[in-house]
Full PDB file with SEQRES, HELIX, SHEET, SSBOND, CRYST1, ORIGX, SCALE, CONECT and MASTER records, all heavy atoms in Angstrom:
SEQRES   1 A   32  LEU ARG CYS GLU TRP ARG GLY HIS ALA PRO SER ALA THR          
SEQRES   2 A   32  ILE TRP ARG LEU GLN TRP GLN ALA ALA CYS LEU CYS PRO          
SEQRES   3 A   32  PHE ALA LEU LEU ALA THR                                      
HELIX    1 AA1 ARG A    2  TRP A    5  1                                   4    
HELIX    2 AA2 ALA A    9  ALA A   31  1                                  23    
CRYST1    1.000    1.000    1.000  90.00  90.00  90.00 P 1           1          
ORIGX1      1.000000  0.000000  0.000000        0.00000                         
ORIGX2      0.000000  1.000000  0.000000        0.00000                         
ORIGX3      0.000000  0.000000  1.000000        0.00000                         
SCALE1      1.000000  0.000000  0.000000        0.00000                         
SCALE2      0.000000  1.000000  0.000000        0.00000                         
SCALE3      0.000000  0.000000  1.000000        0.00000                         
ATOM      1  N   LEU A   1     104.450  77.637 103.655  1.00  0.00           N  
ATOM      2  CA  LEU A   1     104.542  76.204 103.917  1.00  0.00           C  
ATOM      3  C   LEU A   1     103.905  75.836 105.253  1.00  0.00           C  
ATOM      4  O   LEU A   1     103.293  74.769 105.393  1.00  0.00           O  
ATOM      5  CB  LEU A   1     105.998  75.764 103.870  1.00  0.00           C  
ATOM      6  CG  LEU A   1     106.658  75.848 102.486  1.00  0.00           C  
ATOM      7  CD1 LEU A   1     108.142  75.523 102.579  1.00  0.00           C  
ATOM      8  CD2 LEU A   1     105.954  74.934 101.494  1.00  0.00           C  
ATOM      9  N   ARG A   2     104.027  76.712 106.235  1.00  0.00           N  
ATOM     10  CA  ARG A   2     103.407  76.453 107.537  1.00  0.00           C  
ATOM     11  C   ARG A   2     101.887  76.382 107.391  1.00  0.00           C  
ATOM     12  O   ARG A   2     101.233  75.493 107.966  1.00  0.00           O  
ATOM     13  CB  ARG A   2     103.798  77.542 108.515  1.00  0.00           C  
ATOM     14  CG  ARG A   2     103.087  77.476 109.869  1.00  0.00           C  
ATOM     15  CD  ARG A   2     103.625  78.550 110.812  1.00  0.00           C  
ATOM     16  NE  ARG A   2     102.888  78.589 112.070  1.00  0.00           N  
ATOM     17  CZ  ARG A   2     101.825  79.359 112.288  1.00  0.00           C  
ATOM     18  NH1 ARG A   2     101.364  80.147 111.316  1.00  0.00           N  
ATOM     19  NH2 ARG A   2     101.221  79.349 113.455  1.00  0.00           N  
ATOM     20  N   CYS A   3     101.309  77.327 106.647  1.00  0.00           N  
ATOM     21  CA  CYS A   3      99.857  77.317 106.453  1.00  0.00           C  
ATOM     22  C   CYS A   3      99.419  76.098 105.641  1.00  0.00           C  
ATOM     23  O   CYS A   3      98.375  75.505 105.920  1.00  0.00           O  
ATOM     24  CB  CYS A   3      99.418  78.603 105.754  1.00  0.00           C  
ATOM     25  SG  CYS A   3      99.661  80.097 106.741  1.00  0.00           S  
ATOM     26  N   GLU A   4     100.220  75.740 104.633  1.00  0.00           N  
ATOM     27  CA  GLU A   4      99.910  74.526 103.859  1.00  0.00           C  
ATOM     28  C   GLU A   4      99.937  73.298 104.765  1.00  0.00           C  
ATOM     29  O   GLU A   4      99.073  72.427 104.689  1.00  0.00           O  
ATOM     30  CB  GLU A   4     100.932  74.363 102.724  1.00  0.00           C  
ATOM     31  CG  GLU A   4     100.745  75.321 101.564  1.00  0.00           C  
ATOM     32  CD  GLU A   4      99.679  74.850 100.593  1.00  0.00           C  
ATOM     33  OE1 GLU A   4      98.936  73.907 100.915  1.00  0.00           O  
ATOM     34  OE2 GLU A   4      99.583  75.440  99.505  1.00  0.00           O  
ATOM     35  N   TRP A   5     100.946  73.223 105.619  1.00  0.00           N  
ATOM     36  CA  TRP A   5     101.102  72.068 106.503  1.00  0.00           C  
ATOM     37  C   TRP A   5      99.922  71.931 107.443  1.00  0.00           C  
ATOM     38  O   TRP A   5      99.504  70.812 107.775  1.00  0.00           O  
ATOM     39  CB  TRP A   5     102.402  72.214 107.288  1.00  0.00           C  
ATOM     40  CG  TRP A   5     102.696  71.039 108.181  1.00  0.00           C  
ATOM     41  CD1 TRP A   5     102.484  70.945 109.523  1.00  0.00           C  
ATOM     42  CD2 TRP A   5     103.260  69.784 107.775  1.00  0.00           C  
ATOM     43  NE1 TRP A   5     102.878  69.718 109.994  1.00  0.00           N  
ATOM     44  CE2 TRP A   5     103.357  68.984 108.927  1.00  0.00           C  
ATOM     45  CE3 TRP A   5     103.694  69.275 106.559  1.00  0.00           C  
ATOM     46  CZ2 TRP A   5     103.871  67.691 108.899  1.00  0.00           C  
ATOM     47  CZ3 TRP A   5     104.208  67.986 106.526  1.00  0.00           C  
ATOM     48  CH2 TRP A   5     104.300  67.210 107.687  1.00  0.00           C  
ATOM     49  N   ARG A   6      99.350  73.056 107.848  1.00  0.00           N  
ATOM     50  CA  ARG A   6      98.216  73.019 108.769  1.00  0.00           C  
ATOM     51  C   ARG A   6      96.883  72.963 108.038  1.00  0.00           C  
ATOM     52  O   ARG A   6      95.828  72.993 108.676  1.00  0.00           O  
ATOM     53  CB  ARG A   6      98.270  74.222 109.701  1.00  0.00           C  
ATOM     54  CG  ARG A   6      99.490  74.196 110.612  1.00  0.00           C  
ATOM     55  CD  ARG A   6      99.367  75.171 111.748  1.00  0.00           C  
ATOM     56  NE  ARG A   6     100.432  74.974 112.724  1.00  0.00           N  
ATOM     57  CZ  ARG A   6     100.475  75.557 113.901  1.00  0.00           C  
ATOM     58  NH1 ARG A   6      99.504  76.381 114.260  1.00  0.00           N  
ATOM     59  NH2 ARG A   6     101.464  75.333 114.741  1.00  0.00           N  
ATOM     60  N   GLY A   7      96.923  72.934 106.723  1.00  0.00           N  
ATOM     61  CA  GLY A   7      95.693  72.777 105.966  1.00  0.00           C  
ATOM     62  C   GLY A   7      94.798  73.996 105.951  1.00  0.00           C  
ATOM     63  O   GLY A   7      93.586  73.876 105.773  1.00  0.00           O  
ATOM     64  N   HIS A   8      95.375  75.177 106.121  1.00  0.00           N  
ATOM     65  CA  HIS A   8      94.582  76.406 106.134  1.00  0.00           C  
ATOM     66  C   HIS A   8      94.741  77.087 104.781  1.00  0.00           C  
ATOM     67  O   HIS A   8      95.636  77.903 104.572  1.00  0.00           O  
ATOM     68  CB  HIS A   8      95.040  77.316 107.270  1.00  0.00           C  
ATOM     69  CG  HIS A   8      94.022  78.358 107.639  1.00  0.00           C  
ATOM     70  ND1 HIS A   8      93.891  79.532 106.950  1.00  0.00           N  
ATOM     71  CD2 HIS A   8      93.085  78.384 108.617  1.00  0.00           C  
ATOM     72  CE1 HIS A   8      92.917  80.254 107.489  1.00  0.00           C  
ATOM     73  NE2 HIS A   8      92.411  79.570 108.513  1.00  0.00           N  
ATOM     74  N   ALA A   9      93.852  76.724 103.839  1.00  0.00           N  
ATOM     75  CA  ALA A   9      94.011  77.132 102.446  1.00  0.00           C  
ATOM     76  C   ALA A   9      94.012  78.647 102.233  1.00  0.00           C  
ATOM     77  O   ALA A   9      94.863  79.164 101.507  1.00  0.00           O  
ATOM     78  CB  ALA A   9      92.929  76.473 101.594  1.00  0.00           C  
ATOM     79  N   PRO A  10      93.057  79.431 102.824  1.00  0.00           N  
ATOM     80  CA  PRO A  10      93.082  80.878 102.564  1.00  0.00           C  
ATOM     81  C   PRO A  10      94.385  81.546 103.015  1.00  0.00           C  
ATOM     82  O   PRO A  10      94.962  82.357 102.285  1.00  0.00           O  
ATOM     83  CB  PRO A  10      91.882  81.398 103.372  1.00  0.00           C  
ATOM     84  CG  PRO A  10      90.989  80.226 103.525  1.00  0.00           C  
ATOM     85  CD  PRO A  10      91.892  79.047 103.639  1.00  0.00           C  
ATOM     86  N   SER A  11      94.859  81.182 104.212  1.00  0.00           N  
ATOM     87  CA  SER A  11      96.105  81.768 104.696  1.00  0.00           C  
ATOM     88  C   SER A  11      97.283  81.331 103.829  1.00  0.00           C  
ATOM     89  O   SER A  11      98.182  82.126 103.531  1.00  0.00           O  
ATOM     90  CB  SER A  11      96.357  81.358 106.154  1.00  0.00           C  
ATOM     91  OG  SER A  11      95.385  81.928 107.003  1.00  0.00           O  
ATOM     92  N   ALA A  12      97.288  80.071 103.407  1.00  0.00           N  
ATOM     93  CA  ALA A  12      98.358  79.586 102.531  1.00  0.00           C  
ATOM     94  C   ALA A  12      98.375  80.368 101.230  1.00  0.00           C  
ATOM     95  O   ALA A  12      99.447  80.706 100.698  1.00  0.00           O  
ATOM     96  CB  ALA A  12      98.181  78.093 102.258  1.00  0.00           C  
ATOM     97  N   THR A  13      97.199  80.687 100.723  1.00  0.00           N  
ATOM     98  CA  THR A  13      97.117  81.419  99.460  1.00  0.00           C  
ATOM     99  C   THR A  13      97.723  82.808  99.569  1.00  0.00           C  
ATOM    100  O   THR A  13      98.489  83.240  98.701  1.00  0.00           O  
ATOM    101  CB  THR A  13      95.650  81.530  99.005  1.00  0.00           C  
ATOM    102  OG1 THR A  13      95.125  80.215  98.805  1.00  0.00           O  
ATOM    103  CG2 THR A  13      95.533  82.321  97.713  1.00  0.00           C  
ATOM    104  N   ILE A  14      97.401  83.515 100.647  1.00  0.00           N  
ATOM    105  CA  ILE A  14      97.907  84.886 100.733  1.00  0.00           C  
ATOM    106  C   ILE A  14      99.402  84.919 101.059  1.00  0.00           C  
ATOM    107  O   ILE A  14     100.121  85.807 100.595  1.00  0.00           O  
ATOM    108  CB  ILE A  14      97.102  85.727 101.746  1.00  0.00           C  
ATOM    109  CG1 ILE A  14      97.221  85.168 103.163  1.00  0.00           C  
ATOM    110  CG2 ILE A  14      95.645  85.807 101.338  1.00  0.00           C  
ATOM    111  CD1 ILE A  14      96.563  86.039 104.196  1.00  0.00           C  
ATOM    112  N   TRP A  15      99.888  83.941 101.827  1.00  0.00           N  
ATOM    113  CA  TRP A  15     101.337  83.849 102.040  1.00  0.00           C  
ATOM    114  C   TRP A  15     102.049  83.498 100.735  1.00  0.00           C  
ATOM    115  O   TRP A  15     103.122  84.028 100.440  1.00  0.00           O  
ATOM    116  CB  TRP A  15     101.652  82.796 103.104  1.00  0.00           C  
ATOM    117  CG  TRP A  15     101.543  83.284 104.518  1.00  0.00           C  
ATOM    118  CD1 TRP A  15     100.490  83.126 105.360  1.00  0.00           C  
ATOM    119  CD2 TRP A  15     102.527  84.024 105.258  1.00  0.00           C  
ATOM    120  NE1 TRP A  15     100.741  83.702 106.582  1.00  0.00           N  
ATOM    121  CE2 TRP A  15     101.991  84.256 106.545  1.00  0.00           C  
ATOM    122  CE3 TRP A  15     103.803  84.498 104.969  1.00  0.00           C  
ATOM    123  CZ2 TRP A  15     102.689  84.955 107.537  1.00  0.00           C  
ATOM    124  CZ3 TRP A  15     104.500  85.186 105.958  1.00  0.00           C  
ATOM    125  CH2 TRP A  15     103.943  85.404 107.210  1.00  0.00           C  
ATOM    126  N   ARG A  16     101.434  82.596  99.956  1.00  0.00           N  
ATOM    127  CA  ARG A  16     102.049  82.234  98.681  1.00  0.00           C  
ATOM    128  C   ARG A  16     102.086  83.432  97.738  1.00  0.00           C  
ATOM    129  O   ARG A  16     103.051  83.620  96.989  1.00  0.00           O  
ATOM    130  CB  ARG A  16     101.294  81.075  98.034  1.00  0.00           C  
ATOM    131  CG  ARG A  16     101.980  80.552  96.766  1.00  0.00           C  
ATOM    132  CD  ARG A  16     101.303  79.331  96.180  1.00  0.00           C  
ATOM    133  NE  ARG A  16      99.983  79.649  95.646  1.00  0.00           N  
ATOM    134  CZ  ARG A  16      98.839  79.251  96.164  1.00  0.00           C  
ATOM    135  NH1 ARG A  16      98.833  78.518  97.275  1.00  0.00           N  
ATOM    136  NH2 ARG A  16      97.685  79.562  95.615  1.00  0.00           N  
ATOM    137  N   LEU A  17     101.041  84.265  97.765  1.00  0.00           N  
ATOM    138  CA  LEU A  17     101.042  85.468  96.935  1.00  0.00           C  
ATOM    139  C   LEU A  17     102.217  86.376  97.283  1.00  0.00           C  
ATOM    140  O   LEU A  17     102.875  86.935  96.389  1.00  0.00           O  
ATOM    141  CB  LEU A  17      99.723  86.229  97.125  1.00  0.00           C  
ATOM    142  CG  LEU A  17      98.498  85.670  96.404  1.00  0.00           C  
ATOM    143  CD1 LEU A  17      97.240  86.365  96.899  1.00  0.00           C  
ATOM    144  CD2 LEU A  17      98.639  85.845  94.898  1.00  0.00           C  
ATOM    145  N   GLN A  18     102.492  86.523  98.567  1.00  0.00           N  
ATOM    146  CA  GLN A  18     103.611  87.360  98.982  1.00  0.00           C  
ATOM    147  C   GLN A  18     104.948  86.740  98.585  1.00  0.00           C  
ATOM    148  O   GLN A  18     105.882  87.446  98.183  1.00  0.00           O  
ATOM    149  CB  GLN A  18     103.555  87.592 100.495  1.00  0.00           C  
ATOM    150  CG  GLN A  18     102.388  88.445 100.966  1.00  0.00           C  
ATOM    151  CD  GLN A  18     102.510  89.901 100.533  1.00  0.00           C  
ATOM    152  OE1 GLN A  18     103.596  90.468 100.502  1.00  0.00           O  
ATOM    153  NE2 GLN A  18     101.383  90.514 100.199  1.00  0.00           N  
ATOM    154  N   TRP A  19     105.046  85.404  98.681  1.00  0.00           N  
ATOM    155  CA  TRP A  19     106.280  84.742  98.264  1.00  0.00           C  
ATOM    156  C   TRP A  19     106.490  84.890  96.757  1.00  0.00           C  
ATOM    157  O   TRP A  19     107.599  85.145  96.286  1.00  0.00           O  
ATOM    158  CB  TRP A  19     106.224  83.263  98.650  1.00  0.00           C  
ATOM    159  CG  TRP A  19     107.426  82.505  98.188  1.00  0.00           C  
ATOM    160  CD1 TRP A  19     108.691  82.555  98.698  1.00  0.00           C  
ATOM    161  CD2 TRP A  19     107.477  81.590  97.093  1.00  0.00           C  
ATOM    162  NE1 TRP A  19     109.533  81.725  97.993  1.00  0.00           N  
ATOM    163  CE2 TRP A  19     108.811  81.122  96.996  1.00  0.00           C  
ATOM    164  CE3 TRP A  19     106.530  81.110  96.178  1.00  0.00           C  
ATOM    165  CZ2 TRP A  19     109.203  80.212  96.034  1.00  0.00           C  
ATOM    166  CZ3 TRP A  19     106.930  80.200  95.221  1.00  0.00           C  
ATOM    167  CH2 TRP A  19     108.250  79.754  95.164  1.00  0.00           C  
ATOM    168  N   GLN A  20     105.413  84.734  95.993  1.00  0.00           N  
ATOM    169  CA  GLN A  20     105.519  84.920  94.552  1.00  0.00           C  
ATOM    170  C   GLN A  20     105.903  86.360  94.217  1.00  0.00           C  
ATOM    171  O   GLN A  20     106.669  86.600  93.266  1.00  0.00           O  
ATOM    172  CB  GLN A  20     104.197  84.536  93.877  1.00  0.00           C  
ATOM    173  CG  GLN A  20     103.911  83.044  93.925  1.00  0.00           C  
ATOM    174  CD  GLN A  20     102.511  82.693  93.455  1.00  0.00           C  
ATOM    175  OE1 GLN A  20     101.624  83.545  93.399  1.00  0.00           O  
ATOM    176  NE2 GLN A  20     102.298  81.432  93.104  1.00  0.00           N  
ATOM    177  N   ALA A  21     105.389  87.311  94.981  1.00  0.00           N  
ATOM    178  CA  ALA A  21     105.770  88.716  94.785  1.00  0.00           C  
ATOM    179  C   ALA A  21     107.267  88.896  94.997  1.00  0.00           C  
ATOM    180  O   ALA A  21     107.934  89.619  94.244  1.00  0.00           O  
ATOM    181  CB  ALA A  21     104.981  89.608  95.729  1.00  0.00           C  
ATOM    182  N   ALA A  22     107.806  88.226  96.030  1.00  0.00           N  
ATOM    183  CA  ALA A  22     109.247  88.307  96.279  1.00  0.00           C  
ATOM    184  C   ALA A  22     110.034  87.770  95.088  1.00  0.00           C  
ATOM    185  O   ALA A  22     111.081  88.323  94.716  1.00  0.00           O  
ATOM    186  CB  ALA A  22     109.604  87.547  97.557  1.00  0.00           C  
ATOM    187  N   CYS A  23     109.540  86.700  94.470  1.00  0.00           N  
ATOM    188  CA  CYS A  23     110.227  86.120  93.309  1.00  0.00           C  
ATOM    189  C   CYS A  23     110.154  87.034  92.092  1.00  0.00           C  
ATOM    190  O   CYS A  23     111.045  87.005  91.225  1.00  0.00           O  
ATOM    191  CB  CYS A  23     109.622  84.763  92.964  1.00  0.00           C  
ATOM    192  SG  CYS A  23     109.847  83.504  94.248  1.00  0.00           S  
ATOM    193  N   LEU A  24     109.098  87.853  92.011  1.00  0.00           N  
ATOM    194  CA  LEU A  24     108.937  88.759  90.872  1.00  0.00           C  
ATOM    195  C   LEU A  24     109.675  90.083  91.059  1.00  0.00           C  
ATOM    196  O   LEU A  24     109.855  90.826  90.084  1.00  0.00           O  
ATOM    197  CB  LEU A  24     107.445  89.046  90.642  1.00  0.00           C  
ATOM    198  CG  LEU A  24     106.601  87.890  90.087  1.00  0.00           C  
ATOM    199  CD1 LEU A  24     105.144  88.305  90.019  1.00  0.00           C  
ATOM    200  CD2 LEU A  24     107.100  87.473  88.710  1.00  0.00           C  
ATOM    201  N   CYS A  25     110.087  90.376  92.282  1.00  0.00           N  
ATOM    202  CA  CYS A  25     110.707  91.674  92.564  1.00  0.00           C  
ATOM    203  C   CYS A  25     111.923  91.984  91.677  1.00  0.00           C  
ATOM    204  O   CYS A  25     112.074  93.129  91.233  1.00  0.00           O  
ATOM    205  CB  CYS A  25     111.105  91.751  94.038  1.00  0.00           C  
ATOM    206  SG  CYS A  25     109.736  92.215  95.130  1.00  0.00           S  
ATOM    207  N   PRO A  26     112.819  91.021  91.396  1.00  0.00           N  
ATOM    208  CA  PRO A  26     113.960  91.362  90.532  1.00  0.00           C  
ATOM    209  C   PRO A  26     113.552  91.878  89.164  1.00  0.00           C  
ATOM    210  O   PRO A  26     114.176  92.793  88.617  1.00  0.00           O  
ATOM    211  CB  PRO A  26     114.733  90.048  90.438  1.00  0.00           C  
ATOM    212  CG  PRO A  26     114.368  89.294  91.677  1.00  0.00           C  
ATOM    213  CD  PRO A  26     112.941  89.650  91.929  1.00  0.00           C  
ATOM    214  N   PHE A  27     112.486  91.307  88.583  1.00  0.00           N  
ATOM    215  CA  PHE A  27     112.035  91.752  87.267  1.00  0.00           C  
ATOM    216  C   PHE A  27     111.392  93.140  87.346  1.00  0.00           C  
ATOM    217  O   PHE A  27     111.580  93.969  86.445  1.00  0.00           O  
ATOM    218  CB  PHE A  27     111.065  90.728  86.680  1.00  0.00           C  
ATOM    219  CG  PHE A  27     111.680  89.384  86.479  1.00  0.00           C  
ATOM    220  CD1 PHE A  27     111.479  88.366  87.404  1.00  0.00           C  
ATOM    221  CD2 PHE A  27     112.494  89.132  85.382  1.00  0.00           C  
ATOM    222  CE1 PHE A  27     112.054  87.120  87.230  1.00  0.00           C  
ATOM    223  CE2 PHE A  27     113.078  87.873  85.205  1.00  0.00           C  
ATOM    224  CZ  PHE A  27     112.861  86.871  86.131  1.00  0.00           C  
ATOM    225  N   ALA A  28     110.637  93.384  88.429  1.00  0.00           N  
ATOM    226  CA  ALA A  28     110.089  94.719  88.633  1.00  0.00           C  
ATOM    227  C   ALA A  28     111.203  95.739  88.833  1.00  0.00           C  
ATOM    228  O   ALA A  28     111.117  96.880  88.357  1.00  0.00           O  
ATOM    229  CB  ALA A  28     109.149  94.712  89.843  1.00  0.00           C  
ATOM    230  N   LEU A  29     112.257  95.315  89.526  1.00  0.00           N  
ATOM    231  CA  LEU A  29     113.400  96.199  89.748  1.00  0.00           C  
ATOM    232  C   LEU A  29     114.060  96.567  88.413  1.00  0.00           C  
ATOM    233  O   LEU A  29     114.378  97.737  88.162  1.00  0.00           O  
ATOM    234  CB  LEU A  29     114.399  95.522  90.681  1.00  0.00           C  
ATOM    235  CG  LEU A  29     115.513  96.377  91.298  1.00  0.00           C  
ATOM    236  CD1 LEU A  29     116.032  95.718  92.562  1.00  0.00           C  
ATOM    237  CD2 LEU A  29     116.673  96.579  90.330  1.00  0.00           C  
ATOM    238  N   LEU A  30     114.250  95.577  87.541  1.00  0.00           N  
ATOM    239  CA  LEU A  30     114.866  95.840  86.241  1.00  0.00           C  
ATOM    240  C   LEU A  30     114.023  96.805  85.413  1.00  0.00           C  
ATOM    241  O   LEU A  30     114.548  97.756  84.801  1.00  0.00           O  
ATOM    242  CB  LEU A  30     115.053  94.534  85.477  1.00  0.00           C  
ATOM    243  CG  LEU A  30     116.202  93.630  85.932  1.00  0.00           C  
ATOM    244  CD1 LEU A  30     116.106  92.271  85.246  1.00  0.00           C  
ATOM    245  CD2 LEU A  30     117.556  94.275  85.648  1.00  0.00           C  
ATOM    246  N   ALA A  31     112.711  96.589  85.383  1.00  0.00           N  
ATOM    247  CA  ALA A  31     111.829  97.460  84.608  1.00  0.00           C  
ATOM    248  C   ALA A  31     111.816  98.880  85.167  1.00  0.00           C  
ATOM    249  O   ALA A  31     111.860  99.866  84.419  1.00  0.00           O  
ATOM    250  CB  ALA A  31     110.417  96.880  84.587  1.00  0.00           C  
ATOM    251  N   THR A  32     111.770  98.982  86.493  1.00  0.00           N  
ATOM    252  CA  THR A  32     111.752 100.306  87.125  1.00  0.00           C  
ATOM    253  C   THR A  32     113.087 101.007  86.945  1.00  0.00           C  
ATOM    254  O   THR A  32     113.139 102.229  86.738  1.00  0.00           O  
ATOM    255  CB  THR A  32     111.419 100.170  88.622  1.00  0.00           C  
ATOM    256  OG1 THR A  32     110.230  99.384  88.777  1.00  0.00           O  
ATOM    257  CG2 THR A  32     111.189 101.535  89.256  1.00  0.00           C  
TER     258      THR A  32                                                      
MASTER        0    0    0    2    0    0    0    6  257    1    0    3          
END                                                                             
C-alpha cells in the first residue's frame, strides 16, 4: 500500500506478490 500510495508501480507489484504469497501459504501448508 505504501508503494501504491507513492505511485511506484514496479515496487508495488513485487510487494503485492509477496502479500499474495502470504495469503496462499495456508493452502500450500495443507497440501504439504
